[in-house]
Protein backbone atom coordinates (compact mmCIF):
# COMPACT_ATOMS: atom_id res chain seq x y z
CA UNK A 1 0.00 0.00 0.00
CA UNK A 2 1.28 3.44 -0.81
CA UNK A 3 1.59 5.61 2.26
CA UNK A 4 -1.08 8.24 2.49
CA UNK A 5 -0.48 11.68 3.85
CA UNK A 6 0.51 11.17 7.45
CA UNK A 7 -2.41 11.44 9.81
CA UNK A 8 -2.15 13.76 12.76
CA UNK A 9 -1.63 12.33 16.22
CA UNK A 10 -5.26 13.10 17.07
CA UNK A 11 -6.45 11.24 13.93
CA UNK A 12 -4.35 8.20 14.81
CA UNK A 13 -5.69 8.19 18.37
CA UNK A 14 -9.25 8.51 17.07
CA UNK A 15 -8.75 5.56 14.68
CA UNK A 16 -7.49 3.37 17.51
CA UNK A 17 -10.27 4.40 19.89
CA UNK A 18 -12.79 4.01 17.08
CA UNK A 19 -12.21 0.25 17.04
CA UNK A 20 -12.53 -0.04 20.81
CA UNK A 21 -8.84 -0.13 21.75
CA UNK A 22 -6.96 2.11 24.13
CA UNK A 23 -4.71 4.58 22.36
CA UNK A 24 -1.34 3.52 23.83
CA UNK A 25 2.04 4.91 22.83
CA UNK A 26 3.04 1.58 21.28
CA UNK A 27 -0.12 1.31 19.16
CA UNK A 28 0.28 4.89 17.99
CA UNK A 29 3.94 4.27 17.10
CA UNK A 30 3.07 1.10 15.14
CA UNK A 31 0.40 2.88 13.09
CA UNK A 32 2.62 5.89 12.45
CA UNK A 33 5.47 3.62 11.35
CA UNK A 34 3.29 1.59 8.98
CA UNK A 35 1.85 4.82 7.62
CA UNK A 36 5.37 5.97 6.71
CA UNK A 37 6.41 2.90 4.69
CA UNK A 38 5.33 1.80 1.24
CA UNK A 39 5.49 -1.97 1.71
CA UNK A 40 4.14 -4.52 4.20
CA UNK A 41 6.39 -4.93 7.23
CA UNK A 42 7.24 -8.01 9.27
CA UNK A 43 7.13 -8.01 13.05
CA UNK A 44 10.95 -7.92 13.09
CA UNK A 45 11.05 -4.88 10.78
CA UNK A 46 8.52 -2.95 12.86
CA UNK A 47 10.24 -3.92 16.12
CA UNK A 48 13.64 -2.81 14.77
CA UNK A 49 12.21 0.50 13.54
CA UNK A 50 10.64 1.24 16.93
CA UNK A 51 13.40 -0.14 19.15
CA UNK A 52 14.83 3.32 19.82
CA UNK A 53 11.49 4.30 21.39
CA UNK A 54 11.97 1.61 24.05
CA UNK A 55 9.30 -0.85 22.88
CA UNK A 56 10.24 -4.52 23.20
CA UNK A 57 9.48 -7.15 20.59
CA UNK A 58 6.62 -8.74 22.52
CA UNK A 59 4.85 -5.38 22.88
CA UNK A 60 5.16 -4.73 19.15
CA UNK A 61 3.91 -8.23 18.32
CA UNK A 62 0.91 -7.78 20.62
CA UNK A 63 0.14 -4.38 19.05
CA UNK A 64 0.35 -5.76 15.50
CA UNK A 65 -1.96 -8.63 16.39
CA UNK A 66 -4.49 -6.44 18.22
CA UNK A 67 -4.53 -3.76 15.51
CA UNK A 68 -4.94 -6.45 12.85
CA UNK A 69 -7.74 -8.20 14.76
CA UNK A 70 -9.45 -4.81 15.18
CA UNK A 71 -9.36 -4.18 11.41
CA UNK A 72 -6.81 -1.36 11.29
CA UNK A 73 -4.08 -3.50 9.74
CA UNK A 74 -4.08 -6.17 7.08
CA UNK A 75 -2.13 -9.32 7.95
CA UNK A 76 -0.39 -10.95 4.97
CA UNK A 77 0.88 -14.50 4.71
CA UNK A 78 2.94 -14.65 1.53
CA UNK A 79 4.06 -18.25 1.81
CA UNK A 80 7.56 -17.65 3.20
CA UNK A 81 6.67 -18.17 6.89
CA UNK A 82 6.98 -14.43 7.59
CA UNK A 83 3.76 -12.69 8.54
CA UNK A 84 3.64 -9.09 7.33
CA UNK A 85 1.36 -6.21 8.21
CA UNK A 86 0.20 -3.15 6.34
CA UNK A 87 -1.99 -0.25 7.34
CA UNK A 88 -5.50 -0.16 5.95
CA UNK A 89 -6.93 3.16 4.86
CA UNK A 90 -9.57 4.57 7.24
CA UNK A 91 -12.89 2.88 6.61
CA UNK A 92 -11.36 0.08 4.52
CA UNK A 93 -12.44 -3.52 4.92
CA UNK A 94 -9.47 -5.92 5.02
CA UNK A 95 -11.44 -8.59 3.16
CA UNK A 96 -12.42 -6.23 0.34
CA UNK A 97 -9.53 -3.76 0.10
CA UNK A 98 -6.83 -6.32 -0.61
CA UNK A 99 -4.46 -5.61 -3.44
CA UNK A 100 -1.98 -7.94 -5.13
CA UNK A 101 1.65 -8.21 -4.08
CA UNK A 102 4.86 -9.17 -5.89
CA UNK A 103 7.56 -11.13 -4.07
CA UNK A 104 11.08 -11.59 -5.41
CA UNK A 105 12.16 -15.24 -5.21
CA UNK A 106 15.83 -14.22 -4.95
CA UNK A 107 16.00 -11.38 -2.42
CA UNK A 108 12.56 -11.71 -0.80
CA UNK A 109 11.56 -8.09 -1.40
CA UNK A 110 7.84 -7.33 -1.46
CA UNK A 111 6.10 -4.73 -3.62
CA UNK A 112 2.46 -3.69 -3.36
CA UNK A 113 0.76 -3.76 -6.75
CA UNK A 114 -2.06 -1.35 -5.94
CA UNK A 115 -1.68 0.33 -9.35
CA UNK A 116 -2.42 -2.98 -11.12
CA UNK A 117 -5.53 -5.10 -11.51
CA UNK A 118 -5.65 -8.79 -12.21
CA UNK A 119 -8.56 -10.74 -13.58
CA UNK A 120 -9.02 -14.47 -13.33
CA UNK A 121 -10.68 -15.57 -16.56
CA UNK A 122 -11.59 -19.15 -17.47
CA UNK A 123 -10.11 -20.71 -20.63
CA UNK A 124 -13.47 -22.28 -21.40
CA UNK A 125 -16.97 -20.82 -20.98
CA UNK A 126 -18.89 -21.98 -17.92
CA UNK A 127 -15.85 -22.71 -15.75
CA UNK A 128 -16.02 -21.04 -12.35
CA UNK A 129 -13.21 -20.18 -9.94
CA UNK A 130 -12.70 -22.80 -7.22
CA UNK A 131 -13.95 -20.42 -4.54
CA UNK A 132 -13.49 -16.89 -3.20
CA UNK A 133 -10.04 -15.50 -3.91
CA UNK A 134 -8.71 -13.71 -0.85
CA UNK A 135 -5.26 -12.72 -2.04
CA UNK A 136 -3.17 -12.53 -5.20
CA UNK A 137 0.58 -13.06 -4.88
CA UNK A 138 2.89 -12.98 -7.87
CA UNK A 139 6.39 -14.36 -7.51
CA UNK A 140 9.33 -13.73 -9.77
CA UNK A 141 12.61 -11.83 -9.89
CA UNK A 142 12.67 -8.12 -9.13
CA UNK A 143 14.39 -5.70 -11.50
CA UNK A 144 17.41 -5.37 -9.23
CA UNK A 145 17.96 -9.14 -9.03
CA UNK A 146 17.46 -9.48 -12.78
CA UNK A 147 20.06 -6.73 -13.40
CA UNK A 148 22.51 -8.44 -11.03
CA UNK A 149 21.97 -11.84 -12.68
CA UNK A 150 22.36 -10.35 -16.18
CA UNK A 151 25.58 -8.54 -15.27
CA UNK A 152 27.36 -11.68 -14.03
CA UNK A 153 29.86 -13.23 -16.43
CA UNK A 154 28.64 -16.49 -17.95
C-alpha atoms as a PDB file:
ATOM      1  CA  UNK A   1       0.000   0.000   0.000  1.00  0.00           C
ATOM      2  CA  UNK A   2       1.280   3.440  -0.808  1.00  0.00           C
ATOM      3  CA  UNK A   3       1.592   5.606   2.263  1.00  0.00           C
ATOM      4  CA  UNK A   4      -1.082   8.236   2.492  1.00  0.00           C
ATOM      5  CA  UNK A   5      -0.484  11.677   3.849  1.00  0.00           C
ATOM      6  CA  UNK A   6       0.510  11.172   7.445  1.00  0.00           C
ATOM      7  CA  UNK A   7      -2.405  11.438   9.813  1.00  0.00           C
ATOM      8  CA  UNK A   8      -2.154  13.760  12.759  1.00  0.00           C
ATOM      9  CA  UNK A   9      -1.625  12.327  16.222  1.00  0.00           C
ATOM     10  CA  UNK A  10      -5.260  13.103  17.065  1.00  0.00           C
ATOM     11  CA  UNK A  11      -6.449  11.235  13.934  1.00  0.00           C
ATOM     12  CA  UNK A  12      -4.347   8.195  14.810  1.00  0.00           C
ATOM     13  CA  UNK A  13      -5.686   8.189  18.370  1.00  0.00           C
ATOM     14  CA  UNK A  14      -9.254   8.514  17.065  1.00  0.00           C
ATOM     15  CA  UNK A  15      -8.751   5.565  14.684  1.00  0.00           C
ATOM     16  CA  UNK A  16      -7.487   3.371  17.514  1.00  0.00           C
ATOM     17  CA  UNK A  17     -10.266   4.405  19.890  1.00  0.00           C
ATOM     18  CA  UNK A  18     -12.794   4.011  17.084  1.00  0.00           C
ATOM     19  CA  UNK A  19     -12.211   0.248  17.042  1.00  0.00           C
ATOM     20  CA  UNK A  20     -12.529  -0.039  20.812  1.00  0.00           C
ATOM     21  CA  UNK A  21      -8.843  -0.133  21.755  1.00  0.00           C
ATOM     22  CA  UNK A  22      -6.955   2.111  24.133  1.00  0.00           C
ATOM     23  CA  UNK A  23      -4.706   4.577  22.363  1.00  0.00           C
ATOM     24  CA  UNK A  24      -1.345   3.517  23.833  1.00  0.00           C
ATOM     25  CA  UNK A  25       2.037   4.912  22.833  1.00  0.00           C
ATOM     26  CA  UNK A  26       3.045   1.578  21.279  1.00  0.00           C
ATOM     27  CA  UNK A  27      -0.116   1.306  19.158  1.00  0.00           C
ATOM     28  CA  UNK A  28       0.283   4.891  17.990  1.00  0.00           C
ATOM     29  CA  UNK A  29       3.938   4.272  17.096  1.00  0.00           C
ATOM     30  CA  UNK A  30       3.068   1.103  15.143  1.00  0.00           C
ATOM     31  CA  UNK A  31       0.401   2.880  13.094  1.00  0.00           C
ATOM     32  CA  UNK A  32       2.623   5.895  12.446  1.00  0.00           C
ATOM     33  CA  UNK A  33       5.475   3.621  11.348  1.00  0.00           C
ATOM     34  CA  UNK A  34       3.290   1.592   8.983  1.00  0.00           C
ATOM     35  CA  UNK A  35       1.845   4.817   7.625  1.00  0.00           C
ATOM     36  CA  UNK A  36       5.368   5.974   6.714  1.00  0.00           C
ATOM     37  CA  UNK A  37       6.415   2.904   4.692  1.00  0.00           C
ATOM     38  CA  UNK A  38       5.328   1.799   1.237  1.00  0.00           C
ATOM     39  CA  UNK A  39       5.488  -1.971   1.714  1.00  0.00           C
ATOM     40  CA  UNK A  40       4.143  -4.519   4.204  1.00  0.00           C
ATOM     41  CA  UNK A  41       6.386  -4.927   7.231  1.00  0.00           C
ATOM     42  CA  UNK A  42       7.243  -8.005   9.272  1.00  0.00           C
ATOM     43  CA  UNK A  43       7.134  -8.006  13.055  1.00  0.00           C
ATOM     44  CA  UNK A  44      10.949  -7.924  13.089  1.00  0.00           C
ATOM     45  CA  UNK A  45      11.053  -4.884  10.779  1.00  0.00           C
ATOM     46  CA  UNK A  46       8.521  -2.948  12.858  1.00  0.00           C
ATOM     47  CA  UNK A  47      10.242  -3.917  16.121  1.00  0.00           C
ATOM     48  CA  UNK A  48      13.639  -2.809  14.768  1.00  0.00           C
ATOM     49  CA  UNK A  49      12.213   0.497  13.544  1.00  0.00           C
ATOM     50  CA  UNK A  50      10.639   1.237  16.930  1.00  0.00           C
ATOM     51  CA  UNK A  51      13.400  -0.144  19.145  1.00  0.00           C
ATOM     52  CA  UNK A  52      14.830   3.317  19.816  1.00  0.00           C
ATOM     53  CA  UNK A  53      11.486   4.299  21.393  1.00  0.00           C
ATOM     54  CA  UNK A  54      11.966   1.607  24.050  1.00  0.00           C
ATOM     55  CA  UNK A  55       9.301  -0.853  22.875  1.00  0.00           C
ATOM     56  CA  UNK A  56      10.237  -4.518  23.202  1.00  0.00           C
ATOM     57  CA  UNK A  57       9.478  -7.151  20.585  1.00  0.00           C
ATOM     58  CA  UNK A  58       6.615  -8.740  22.516  1.00  0.00           C
ATOM     59  CA  UNK A  59       4.852  -5.380  22.876  1.00  0.00           C
ATOM     60  CA  UNK A  60       5.162  -4.732  19.146  1.00  0.00           C
ATOM     61  CA  UNK A  61       3.910  -8.230  18.323  1.00  0.00           C
ATOM     62  CA  UNK A  62       0.914  -7.781  20.622  1.00  0.00           C
ATOM     63  CA  UNK A  63       0.145  -4.383  19.048  1.00  0.00           C
ATOM     64  CA  UNK A  64       0.351  -5.760  15.502  1.00  0.00           C
ATOM     65  CA  UNK A  65      -1.965  -8.629  16.390  1.00  0.00           C
ATOM     66  CA  UNK A  66      -4.490  -6.444  18.221  1.00  0.00           C
ATOM     67  CA  UNK A  67      -4.533  -3.763  15.510  1.00  0.00           C
ATOM     68  CA  UNK A  68      -4.940  -6.446  12.852  1.00  0.00           C
ATOM     69  CA  UNK A  69      -7.736  -8.196  14.759  1.00  0.00           C
ATOM     70  CA  UNK A  70      -9.451  -4.808  15.182  1.00  0.00           C
ATOM     71  CA  UNK A  71      -9.361  -4.185  11.414  1.00  0.00           C
ATOM     72  CA  UNK A  72      -6.814  -1.356  11.288  1.00  0.00           C
ATOM     73  CA  UNK A  73      -4.079  -3.504   9.736  1.00  0.00           C
ATOM     74  CA  UNK A  74      -4.077  -6.171   7.076  1.00  0.00           C
ATOM     75  CA  UNK A  75      -2.126  -9.320   7.951  1.00  0.00           C
ATOM     76  CA  UNK A  76      -0.394 -10.952   4.975  1.00  0.00           C
ATOM     77  CA  UNK A  77       0.884 -14.500   4.711  1.00  0.00           C
ATOM     78  CA  UNK A  78       2.938 -14.652   1.528  1.00  0.00           C
ATOM     79  CA  UNK A  79       4.059 -18.253   1.812  1.00  0.00           C
ATOM     80  CA  UNK A  80       7.555 -17.650   3.202  1.00  0.00           C
ATOM     81  CA  UNK A  81       6.666 -18.167   6.892  1.00  0.00           C
ATOM     82  CA  UNK A  82       6.977 -14.433   7.591  1.00  0.00           C
ATOM     83  CA  UNK A  83       3.756 -12.688   8.537  1.00  0.00           C
ATOM     84  CA  UNK A  84       3.640  -9.087   7.330  1.00  0.00           C
ATOM     85  CA  UNK A  85       1.360  -6.214   8.212  1.00  0.00           C
ATOM     86  CA  UNK A  86       0.196  -3.153   6.344  1.00  0.00           C
ATOM     87  CA  UNK A  87      -1.988  -0.250   7.336  1.00  0.00           C
ATOM     88  CA  UNK A  88      -5.504  -0.162   5.951  1.00  0.00           C
ATOM     89  CA  UNK A  89      -6.934   3.156   4.861  1.00  0.00           C
ATOM     90  CA  UNK A  90      -9.569   4.574   7.242  1.00  0.00           C
ATOM     91  CA  UNK A  91     -12.890   2.880   6.614  1.00  0.00           C
ATOM     92  CA  UNK A  92     -11.357   0.083   4.515  1.00  0.00           C
ATOM     93  CA  UNK A  93     -12.435  -3.524   4.922  1.00  0.00           C
ATOM     94  CA  UNK A  94      -9.471  -5.924   5.019  1.00  0.00           C
ATOM     95  CA  UNK A  95     -11.439  -8.591   3.159  1.00  0.00           C
ATOM     96  CA  UNK A  96     -12.421  -6.231   0.340  1.00  0.00           C
ATOM     97  CA  UNK A  97      -9.528  -3.757   0.104  1.00  0.00           C
ATOM     98  CA  UNK A  98      -6.830  -6.322  -0.606  1.00  0.00           C
ATOM     99  CA  UNK A  99      -4.464  -5.606  -3.438  1.00  0.00           C
ATOM    100  CA  UNK A 100      -1.981  -7.939  -5.130  1.00  0.00           C
ATOM    101  CA  UNK A 101       1.654  -8.207  -4.082  1.00  0.00           C
ATOM    102  CA  UNK A 102       4.856  -9.173  -5.889  1.00  0.00           C
ATOM    103  CA  UNK A 103       7.561 -11.128  -4.071  1.00  0.00           C
ATOM    104  CA  UNK A 104      11.081 -11.591  -5.412  1.00  0.00           C
ATOM    105  CA  UNK A 105      12.157 -15.236  -5.212  1.00  0.00           C
ATOM    106  CA  UNK A 106      15.833 -14.219  -4.952  1.00  0.00           C
ATOM    107  CA  UNK A 107      16.002 -11.380  -2.420  1.00  0.00           C
ATOM    108  CA  UNK A 108      12.561 -11.707  -0.797  1.00  0.00           C
ATOM    109  CA  UNK A 109      11.564  -8.091  -1.405  1.00  0.00           C
ATOM    110  CA  UNK A 110       7.839  -7.330  -1.462  1.00  0.00           C
ATOM    111  CA  UNK A 111       6.097  -4.732  -3.621  1.00  0.00           C
ATOM    112  CA  UNK A 112       2.459  -3.692  -3.359  1.00  0.00           C
ATOM    113  CA  UNK A 113       0.759  -3.756  -6.747  1.00  0.00           C
ATOM    114  CA  UNK A 114      -2.060  -1.349  -5.935  1.00  0.00           C
ATOM    115  CA  UNK A 115      -1.678   0.326  -9.354  1.00  0.00           C
ATOM    116  CA  UNK A 116      -2.421  -2.979 -11.124  1.00  0.00           C
ATOM    117  CA  UNK A 117      -5.526  -5.098 -11.514  1.00  0.00           C
ATOM    118  CA  UNK A 118      -5.653  -8.788 -12.210  1.00  0.00           C
ATOM    119  CA  UNK A 119      -8.559 -10.742 -13.584  1.00  0.00           C
ATOM    120  CA  UNK A 120      -9.022 -14.466 -13.334  1.00  0.00           C
ATOM    121  CA  UNK A 121     -10.679 -15.569 -16.560  1.00  0.00           C
ATOM    122  CA  UNK A 122     -11.587 -19.151 -17.474  1.00  0.00           C
ATOM    123  CA  UNK A 123     -10.114 -20.706 -20.627  1.00  0.00           C
ATOM    124  CA  UNK A 124     -13.472 -22.277 -21.400  1.00  0.00           C
ATOM    125  CA  UNK A 125     -16.971 -20.824 -20.976  1.00  0.00           C
ATOM    126  CA  UNK A 126     -18.889 -21.983 -17.919  1.00  0.00           C
ATOM    127  CA  UNK A 127     -15.847 -22.713 -15.750  1.00  0.00           C
ATOM    128  CA  UNK A 128     -16.018 -21.041 -12.351  1.00  0.00           C
ATOM    129  CA  UNK A 129     -13.213 -20.177  -9.936  1.00  0.00           C
ATOM    130  CA  UNK A 130     -12.697 -22.799  -7.223  1.00  0.00           C
ATOM    131  CA  UNK A 131     -13.951 -20.416  -4.542  1.00  0.00           C
ATOM    132  CA  UNK A 132     -13.489 -16.888  -3.196  1.00  0.00           C
ATOM    133  CA  UNK A 133     -10.036 -15.504  -3.909  1.00  0.00           C
ATOM    134  CA  UNK A 134      -8.706 -13.712  -0.850  1.00  0.00           C
ATOM    135  CA  UNK A 135      -5.264 -12.721  -2.037  1.00  0.00           C
ATOM    136  CA  UNK A 136      -3.168 -12.533  -5.200  1.00  0.00           C
ATOM    137  CA  UNK A 137       0.576 -13.060  -4.878  1.00  0.00           C
ATOM    138  CA  UNK A 138       2.886 -12.982  -7.868  1.00  0.00           C
ATOM    139  CA  UNK A 139       6.387 -14.362  -7.509  1.00  0.00           C
ATOM    140  CA  UNK A 140       9.333 -13.735  -9.774  1.00  0.00           C
ATOM    141  CA  UNK A 141      12.609 -11.828  -9.894  1.00  0.00           C
ATOM    142  CA  UNK A 142      12.665  -8.121  -9.125  1.00  0.00           C
ATOM    143  CA  UNK A 143      14.389  -5.703 -11.495  1.00  0.00           C
ATOM    144  CA  UNK A 144      17.409  -5.367  -9.227  1.00  0.00           C
ATOM    145  CA  UNK A 145      17.958  -9.135  -9.025  1.00  0.00           C
ATOM    146  CA  UNK A 146      17.461  -9.475 -12.777  1.00  0.00           C
ATOM    147  CA  UNK A 147      20.058  -6.733 -13.400  1.00  0.00           C
ATOM    148  CA  UNK A 148      22.505  -8.440 -11.034  1.00  0.00           C
ATOM    149  CA  UNK A 149      21.971 -11.840 -12.683  1.00  0.00           C
ATOM    150  CA  UNK A 150      22.359 -10.354 -16.179  1.00  0.00           C
ATOM    151  CA  UNK A 151      25.575  -8.536 -15.274  1.00  0.00           C
ATOM    152  CA  UNK A 152      27.360 -11.682 -14.032  1.00  0.00           C
ATOM    153  CA  UNK A 153      29.860 -13.231 -16.430  1.00  0.00           C
ATOM    154  CA  UNK A 154      28.639 -16.492 -17.950  1.00  0.00           C
END
